[in-house]
PDB file of N, CA and C in Angstrom:
ATOM      1  N   MET A   1     192.672 159.845 105.538  1.00  0.00           N
ATOM      2  CA  MET A   1     192.823 159.226 106.832  1.00  0.00           C
ATOM      3  C   MET A   1     193.829 158.072 106.758  1.00  0.00           C
ATOM      4  N   LYS A   2     193.859 157.416 105.615  1.00  0.00           N
ATOM      5  CA  LYS A   2     194.779 156.299 105.415  1.00  0.00           C
ATOM      6  C   LYS A   2     196.223 156.731 105.655  1.00  0.00           C
ATOM      7  N   GLU A   3     196.601 157.898 105.141  1.00  0.00           N
ATOM      8  CA  GLU A   3     197.966 158.386 105.275  1.00  0.00           C
ATOM      9  C   GLU A   3     198.315 158.659 106.736  1.00  0.00           C
ATOM     10  N   ALA A   4     197.372 159.200 107.485  1.00  0.00           N
ATOM     11  CA  ALA A   4     197.607 159.487 108.899  1.00  0.00           C
ATOM     12  C   ALA A   4     197.828 158.202 109.691  1.00  0.00           C
ATOM     13  N   VAL A   5     196.994 157.191 109.456  1.00  0.00           N
ATOM     14  CA  VAL A   5     197.143 155.910 110.144  1.00  0.00           C
ATOM     15  C   VAL A   5     198.478 155.270 109.775  1.00  0.00           C
ATOM     16  N   GLU A   6     198.824 155.323 108.500  1.00  0.00           N
ATOM     17  CA  GLU A   6     200.081 154.731 108.048  1.00  0.00           C
ATOM     18  C   GLU A   6     201.280 155.408 108.715  1.00  0.00           C
ATOM     19  N   MET A   7     201.256 156.729 108.819  1.00  0.00           N
ATOM     20  CA  MET A   7     202.351 157.468 109.438  1.00  0.00           C
ATOM     21  C   MET A   7     202.498 157.090 110.918  1.00  0.00           C
ATOM     22  N   ILE A   8     201.379 156.985 111.629  1.00  0.00           N
ATOM     23  CA  ILE A   8     201.415 156.642 113.055  1.00  0.00           C
ATOM     24  C   ILE A   8     201.937 155.221 113.252  1.00  0.00           C
ATOM     25  N   VAL A   9     201.419 154.279 112.471  1.00  0.00           N
ATOM     26  CA  VAL A   9     201.820 152.876 112.625  1.00  0.00           C
ATOM     27  C   VAL A   9     203.297 152.697 112.274  1.00  0.00           C
ATOM     28  N   LYS A  10     203.768 153.358 111.231  1.00  0.00           N
ATOM     29  CA  LYS A  10     205.182 153.245 110.858  1.00  0.00           C
ATOM     30  C   LYS A  10     206.094 153.767 111.962  1.00  0.00           C
ATOM     31  N   ALA A  11     205.630 154.750 112.716  1.00  0.00           N
ATOM     32  CA  ALA A  11     206.424 155.285 113.822  1.00  0.00           C
ATOM     33  C   ALA A  11     206.485 154.306 114.994  1.00  0.00           C
ATOM     34  N   LEU A  12     205.520 153.394 115.085  1.00  0.00           N
ATOM     35  CA  LEU A  12     205.446 152.462 116.208  1.00  0.00           C
ATOM     36  C   LEU A  12     206.263 151.187 116.013  1.00  0.00           C
ATOM     37  N   VAL A  13     206.417 150.736 114.782  1.00  0.00           N
ATOM     38  CA  VAL A  13     206.971 149.410 114.524  1.00  0.00           C
ATOM     39  C   VAL A  13     208.480 149.441 114.259  1.00  0.00           C
ATOM     40  N   ASN A  14     209.103 148.258 114.324  1.00  0.00           N
ATOM     41  CA  ASN A  14     210.532 148.122 114.030  1.00  0.00           C
ATOM     42  C   ASN A  14     210.798 148.008 112.535  1.00  0.00           C
ATOM     43  N   GLU A  15     209.828 147.490 111.777  1.00  0.00           N
ATOM     44  CA  GLU A  15     209.995 147.306 110.331  1.00  0.00           C
ATOM     45  C   GLU A  15     208.962 148.136 109.572  1.00  0.00           C
ATOM     46  N   PRO A  16     209.173 149.444 109.473  1.00  0.00           N
ATOM     47  CA  PRO A  16     208.177 150.304 108.823  1.00  0.00           C
ATOM     48  C   PRO A  16     207.974 150.012 107.340  1.00  0.00           C
ATOM     49  N   GLU A  17     208.978 149.412 106.698  1.00  0.00           N
ATOM     50  CA  GLU A  17     208.827 149.101 105.271  1.00  0.00           C
ATOM     51  C   GLU A  17     207.816 147.986 105.026  1.00  0.00           C
ATOM     52  N   ARG A  18     207.468 147.224 106.047  1.00  0.00           N
ATOM     53  CA  ARG A  18     206.503 146.133 105.891  1.00  0.00           C
ATOM     54  C   ARG A  18     205.085 146.534 106.296  1.00  0.00           C
ATOM     55  N   VAL A  19     204.872 147.808 106.602  1.00  0.00           N
ATOM     56  CA  VAL A  19     203.535 148.299 106.949  1.00  0.00           C
ATOM     57  C   VAL A  19     202.738 148.498 105.671  1.00  0.00           C
ATOM     58  N   GLU A  20     201.529 147.966 105.673  1.00  0.00           N
ATOM     59  CA  GLU A  20     200.631 148.100 104.530  1.00  0.00           C
ATOM     60  C   GLU A  20     199.257 148.521 105.058  1.00  0.00           C
ATOM     61  N   VAL A  21     198.725 149.602 104.519  1.00  0.00           N
ATOM     62  CA  VAL A  21     197.433 150.113 104.965  1.00  0.00           C
ATOM     63  C   VAL A  21     196.501 150.161 103.762  1.00  0.00           C
ATOM     64  N   ARG A  22     195.333 149.572 103.915  1.00  0.00           N
ATOM     65  CA  ARG A  22     194.317 149.584 102.853  1.00  0.00           C
ATOM     66  C   ARG A  22     193.075 150.273 103.369  1.00  0.00           C
ATOM     67  N   GLU A  23     192.435 151.015 102.484  1.00  0.00           N
ATOM     68  CA  GLU A  23     191.217 151.724 102.835  1.00  0.00           C
ATOM     69  C   GLU A  23     190.130 151.327 101.843  1.00  0.00           C
ATOM     70  N   ALA A  24     188.982 150.922 102.352  1.00  0.00           N
ATOM     71  CA  ALA A  24     187.874 150.513 101.482  1.00  0.00           C
ATOM     72  C   ALA A  24     186.592 151.149 101.974  1.00  0.00           C
ATOM     73  N   GLU A  25     185.785 151.583 101.034  1.00  0.00           N
ATOM     74  CA  GLU A  25     184.505 152.201 101.358  1.00  0.00           C
ATOM     75  C   GLU A  25     183.477 151.124 101.648  1.00  0.00           C
ATOM     76  N   GLY A  26     182.827 151.240 102.777  1.00  0.00           N
ATOM     77  CA  GLY A  26     181.768 150.311 103.153  1.00  0.00           C
ATOM     78  C   GLY A  26     180.410 150.929 102.893  1.00  0.00           C
ATOM     79  N   GLU A  27     179.408 150.345 103.498  1.00  0.00           N
ATOM     80  CA  GLU A  27     178.061 150.878 103.313  1.00  0.00           C
ATOM     81  C   GLU A  27     177.774 151.985 104.322  1.00  0.00           C
ATOM     82  N   ARG A  28     176.896 152.894 103.950  1.00  0.00           N
ATOM     83  CA  ARG A  28     176.445 154.015 104.797  1.00  0.00           C
ATOM     84  C   ARG A  28     177.582 154.914 105.267  1.00  0.00           C
ATOM     85  N   GLY A  29     178.546 155.167 104.411  1.00  0.00           N
ATOM     86  CA  GLY A  29     179.630 156.082 104.749  1.00  0.00           C
ATOM     87  C   GLY A  29     180.695 155.518 105.659  1.00  0.00           C
ATOM     88  N   THR A  30     180.694 154.212 105.868  1.00  0.00           N
ATOM     89  CA  THR A  30     181.712 153.579 106.706  1.00  0.00           C
ATOM     90  C   THR A  30     182.976 153.354 105.883  1.00  0.00           C
ATOM     91  N   VAL A  31     184.110 153.679 106.467  1.00  0.00           N
ATOM     92  CA  VAL A  31     185.395 153.471 105.812  1.00  0.00           C
ATOM     93  C   VAL A  31     186.160 152.420 106.610  1.00  0.00           C
ATOM     94  N   MET A  32     186.501 151.315 105.940  1.00  0.00           N
ATOM     95  CA  MET A  32     187.253 150.240 106.579  1.00  0.00           C
ATOM     96  C   MET A  32     188.737 150.474 106.325  1.00  0.00           C
ATOM     97  N   ILE A  33     189.531 150.501 107.386  1.00  0.00           N
ATOM     98  CA  ILE A  33     190.975 150.658 107.267  1.00  0.00           C
ATOM     99  C   ILE A  33     191.627 149.402 107.827  1.00  0.00           C
ATOM    100  N   GLU A  34     192.378 148.698 106.980  1.00  0.00           N
ATOM    101  CA  GLU A  34     193.079 147.480 107.386  1.00  0.00           C
ATOM    102  C   GLU A  34     194.570 147.768 107.445  1.00  0.00           C
ATOM    103  N   VAL A  35     195.192 147.358 108.530  1.00  0.00           N
ATOM    104  CA  VAL A  35     196.626 147.556 108.719  1.00  0.00           C
ATOM    105  C   VAL A  35     197.300 146.196 108.785  1.00  0.00           C
ATOM    106  N   ARG A  36     198.316 146.009 107.951  1.00  0.00           N
ATOM    107  CA  ARG A  36     199.139 144.795 107.982  1.00  0.00           C
ATOM    108  C   ARG A  36     200.556 145.195 108.366  1.00  0.00           C
ATOM    109  N   VAL A  37     201.108 144.458 109.328  1.00  0.00           N
ATOM    110  CA  VAL A  37     202.488 144.696 109.767  1.00  0.00           C
ATOM    111  C   VAL A  37     203.198 143.357 109.870  1.00  0.00           C
ATOM    112  N   ALA A  38     204.502 143.409 110.084  1.00  0.00           N
ATOM    113  CA  ALA A  38     205.276 142.182 110.280  1.00  0.00           C
ATOM    114  C   ALA A  38     204.765 141.477 111.532  1.00  0.00           C
ATOM    115  N   GLN A  39     204.843 140.166 111.540  1.00  0.00           N
ATOM    116  CA  GLN A  39     204.343 139.363 112.655  1.00  0.00           C
ATOM    117  C   GLN A  39     204.942 139.815 113.995  1.00  0.00           C
ATOM    118  N   GLU A  40     206.211 140.198 113.970  1.00  0.00           N
ATOM    119  CA  GLU A  40     206.888 140.620 115.196  1.00  0.00           C
ATOM    120  C   GLU A  40     206.370 141.957 115.716  1.00  0.00           C
ATOM    121  N   ASP A  41     205.736 142.749 114.859  1.00  0.00           N
ATOM    122  CA  ASP A  41     205.285 144.089 115.228  1.00  0.00           C
ATOM    123  C   ASP A  41     203.812 144.170 115.605  1.00  0.00           C
ATOM    124  N   VAL A  42     203.089 143.074 115.501  1.00  0.00           N
ATOM    125  CA  VAL A  42     201.661 143.096 115.809  1.00  0.00           C
ATOM    126  C   VAL A  42     201.421 143.544 117.252  1.00  0.00           C
ATOM    127  N   GLY A  43     202.230 143.049 118.160  1.00  0.00           N
ATOM    128  CA  GLY A  43     202.078 143.415 119.566  1.00  0.00           C
ATOM    129  C   GLY A  43     202.312 144.891 119.819  1.00  0.00           C
ATOM    130  N   LYS A  44     203.205 145.500 119.068  1.00  0.00           N
ATOM    131  CA  LYS A  44     203.470 146.929 119.233  1.00  0.00           C
ATOM    132  C   LYS A  44     202.289 147.764 118.770  1.00  0.00           C
ATOM    133  N   VAL A  45     201.618 147.328 117.717  1.00  0.00           N
ATOM    134  CA  VAL A  45     200.464 148.068 117.217  1.00  0.00           C
ATOM    135  C   VAL A  45     199.276 147.904 118.157  1.00  0.00           C
ATOM    136  N   ILE A  46     199.108 146.722 118.710  1.00  0.00           N
ATOM    137  CA  ILE A  46     197.994 146.483 119.621  1.00  0.00           C
ATOM    138  C   ILE A  46     198.261 147.124 120.977  1.00  0.00           C
ATOM    139  N   GLY A  47     199.462 146.992 121.482  1.00  0.00           N
ATOM    140  CA  GLY A  47     199.819 147.602 122.759  1.00  0.00           C
ATOM    141  C   GLY A  47     199.415 146.738 123.934  1.00  0.00           C
ATOM    142  N   ARG A  48     199.866 147.142 125.101  1.00  0.00           N
ATOM    143  CA  ARG A  48     199.558 146.412 126.330  1.00  0.00           C
ATOM    144  C   ARG A  48     198.066 146.509 126.615  1.00  0.00           C
ATOM    145  N   GLN A  49     197.415 145.379 126.683  1.00  0.00           N
ATOM    146  CA  GLN A  49     195.973 145.255 126.918  1.00  0.00           C
ATOM    147  C   GLN A  49     195.160 146.043 125.888  1.00  0.00           C
ATOM    148  N   GLY A  50     195.720 146.209 124.681  1.00  0.00           N
ATOM    149  CA  GLY A  50     194.993 146.858 123.599  1.00  0.00           C
ATOM    150  C   GLY A  50     194.981 148.375 123.673  1.00  0.00           C
ATOM    151  N   SER A  51     195.837 148.952 124.488  1.00  0.00           N
ATOM    152  CA  SER A  51     195.785 150.400 124.694  1.00  0.00           C
ATOM    153  C   SER A  51     196.155 151.197 123.440  1.00  0.00           C
ATOM    154  N   THR A  52     197.132 150.748 122.679  1.00  0.00           N
ATOM    155  CA  THR A  52     197.564 151.498 121.498  1.00  0.00           C
ATOM    156  C   THR A  52     196.501 151.460 120.407  1.00  0.00           C
ATOM    157  N   ILE A  53     195.965 150.294 120.117  1.00  0.00           N
ATOM    158  CA  ILE A  53     194.935 150.193 119.077  1.00  0.00           C
ATOM    159  C   ILE A  53     193.672 150.926 119.504  1.00  0.00           C
ATOM    160  N   ARG A  54     193.367 150.905 120.785  1.00  0.00           N
ATOM    161  CA  ARG A  54     192.207 151.637 121.300  1.00  0.00           C
ATOM    162  C   ARG A  54     192.392 153.140 121.101  1.00  0.00           C
ATOM    163  N   ALA A  55     193.616 153.633 121.327  1.00  0.00           N
ATOM    164  CA  ALA A  55     193.902 155.053 121.135  1.00  0.00           C
ATOM    165  C   ALA A  55     193.782 155.432 119.650  1.00  0.00           C
ATOM    166  N   LEU A  56     194.291 154.583 118.768  1.00  0.00           N
ATOM    167  CA  LEU A  56     194.159 154.848 117.328  1.00  0.00           C
ATOM    168  C   LEU A  56     192.694 154.892 116.906  1.00  0.00           C
ATOM    169  N   ARG A  57     191.913 153.977 117.425  1.00  0.00           N
ATOM    170  CA  ARG A  57     190.487 153.960 117.096  1.00  0.00           C
ATOM    171  C   ARG A  57     189.786 155.193 117.641  1.00  0.00           C
ATOM    172  N   SER A  58     190.207 155.679 118.795  1.00  0.00           N
ATOM    173  CA  SER A  58     189.620 156.898 119.362  1.00  0.00           C
ATOM    174  C   SER A  58     189.910 158.107 118.485  1.00  0.00           C
ATOM    175  N   VAL A  59     191.127 158.193 117.981  1.00  0.00           N
ATOM    176  CA  VAL A  59     191.486 159.284 117.078  1.00  0.00           C
ATOM    177  C   VAL A  59     190.638 159.212 115.808  1.00  0.00           C
ATOM    178  N   LEU A  60     190.484 158.015 115.261  1.00  0.00           N
ATOM    179  CA  LEU A  60     189.661 157.852 114.058  1.00  0.00           C
ATOM    180  C   LEU A  60     188.204 158.187 114.331  1.00  0.00           C
ATOM    181  N   HIS A  61     187.717 157.855 115.504  1.00  0.00           N
ATOM    182  CA  HIS A  61     186.331 158.179 115.863  1.00  0.00           C
ATOM    183  C   HIS A  61     186.142 159.696 115.905  1.00  0.00           C
ATOM    184  N   ALA A  62     187.087 160.404 116.523  1.00  0.00           N
ATOM    185  CA  ALA A  62     186.999 161.862 116.593  1.00  0.00           C
ATOM    186  C   ALA A  62     187.061 162.488 115.196  1.00  0.00           C
ATOM    187  N   ALA A  63     187.949 161.974 114.351  1.00  0.00           N
ATOM    188  CA  ALA A  63     188.040 162.485 112.981  1.00  0.00           C
ATOM    189  C   ALA A  63     186.763 162.186 112.203  1.00  0.00           C
ATOM    190  N   GLY A  64     186.194 161.027 112.455  1.00  0.00           N
ATOM    191  CA  GLY A  64     184.950 160.656 111.783  1.00  0.00           C
ATOM    192  C   GLY A  64     183.793 161.563 112.173  1.00  0.00           C
ATOM    193  N   MET A  65     183.761 161.986 113.417  1.00  0.00           N
ATOM    194  CA  MET A  65     182.703 162.907 113.856  1.00  0.00           C
ATOM    195  C   MET A  65     182.809 164.233 113.109  1.00  0.00           C
ATOM    196  N   LYS A  66     184.025 164.679 112.905  1.00  0.00           N
ATOM    197  CA  LYS A  66     184.245 165.942 112.211  1.00  0.00           C
ATOM    198  C   LYS A  66     183.856 165.845 110.736  1.00  0.00           C
ATOM    199  N   HIS A  67     184.148 164.696 110.115  1.00  0.00           N
ATOM    200  CA  HIS A  67     183.891 164.511 108.687  1.00  0.00           C
ATOM    201  C   HIS A  67     182.570 163.811 108.397  1.00  0.00           C
ATOM    202  N   ASN A  68     181.791 163.562 109.434  1.00  0.00           N
ATOM    203  CA  ASN A  68     180.484 162.904 109.270  1.00  0.00           C
ATOM    204  C   ASN A  68     180.612 161.523 108.641  1.00  0.00           C
ATOM    205  N   ARG A  69     181.604 160.761 109.082  1.00  0.00           N
ATOM    206  CA  ARG A  69     181.853 159.409 108.583  1.00  0.00           C
ATOM    207  C   ARG A  69     182.164 158.508 109.755  1.00  0.00           C
ATOM    208  N   ARG A  70     182.199 157.214 109.493  1.00  0.00           N
ATOM    209  CA  ARG A  70     182.567 156.232 110.512  1.00  0.00           C
ATOM    210  C   ARG A  70     183.771 155.457 109.994  1.00  0.00           C
ATOM    211  N   PHE A  71     184.824 155.418 110.797  1.00  0.00           N
ATOM    212  CA  PHE A  71     186.031 154.686 110.436  1.00  0.00           C
ATOM    213  C   PHE A  71     186.145 153.445 111.308  1.00  0.00           C
ATOM    214  N   VAL A  72     186.488 152.327 110.668  1.00  0.00           N
ATOM    215  CA  VAL A  72     186.686 151.064 111.372  1.00  0.00           C
ATOM    216  C   VAL A  72     188.126 150.626 111.105  1.00  0.00           C
ATOM    217  N   LEU A  73     188.895 150.427 112.177  1.00  0.00           N
ATOM    218  CA  LEU A  73     190.302 150.064 112.051  1.00  0.00           C
ATOM    219  C   LEU A  73     190.503 148.627 112.497  1.00  0.00           C
ATOM    220  N   ASP A  74     191.143 147.826 111.645  1.00  0.00           N
ATOM    221  CA  ASP A  74     191.451 146.429 111.951  1.00  0.00           C
ATOM    222  C   ASP A  74     192.927 146.157 111.676  1.00  0.00           C
ATOM    223  N   VAL A  75     193.536 145.368 112.572  1.00  0.00           N
ATOM    224  CA  VAL A  75     194.891 144.883 112.342  1.00  0.00           C
ATOM    225  C   VAL A  75     194.754 143.459 111.808  1.00  0.00           C
ATOM    226  N   VAL A  76     195.244 143.251 110.587  1.00  0.00           N
ATOM    227  CA  VAL A  76     195.103 141.965 109.923  1.00  0.00           C
ATOM    228  C   VAL A  76     196.432 141.220 110.002  1.00  0.00           C
ATOM    229  N   GLU A  77     196.369 139.944 110.393  1.00  0.00           N
ATOM    230  CA  GLU A  77     197.592 139.142 110.472  1.00  0.00           C
ATOM    231  C   GLU A  77     197.762 138.316 109.229  1.00  0.00           C
TER     232      GLU A  77
END
């Protein structure tokens, strides 16, 4: 899932070389995905009124249902 999130985020930002995605296993099958981007690109990842990040989280939720896992996506500054 990390690779999919990284590919999508790199397509959204102006500085794809500064995108960093980390994946960590949490408790009870929860997978934490942290995305770091350049300060100038944070707004592009979040989107107008949070629409882009909400869409990414929806995709992860659907994938999690299929794989019987829970994914949590955070944009870290």
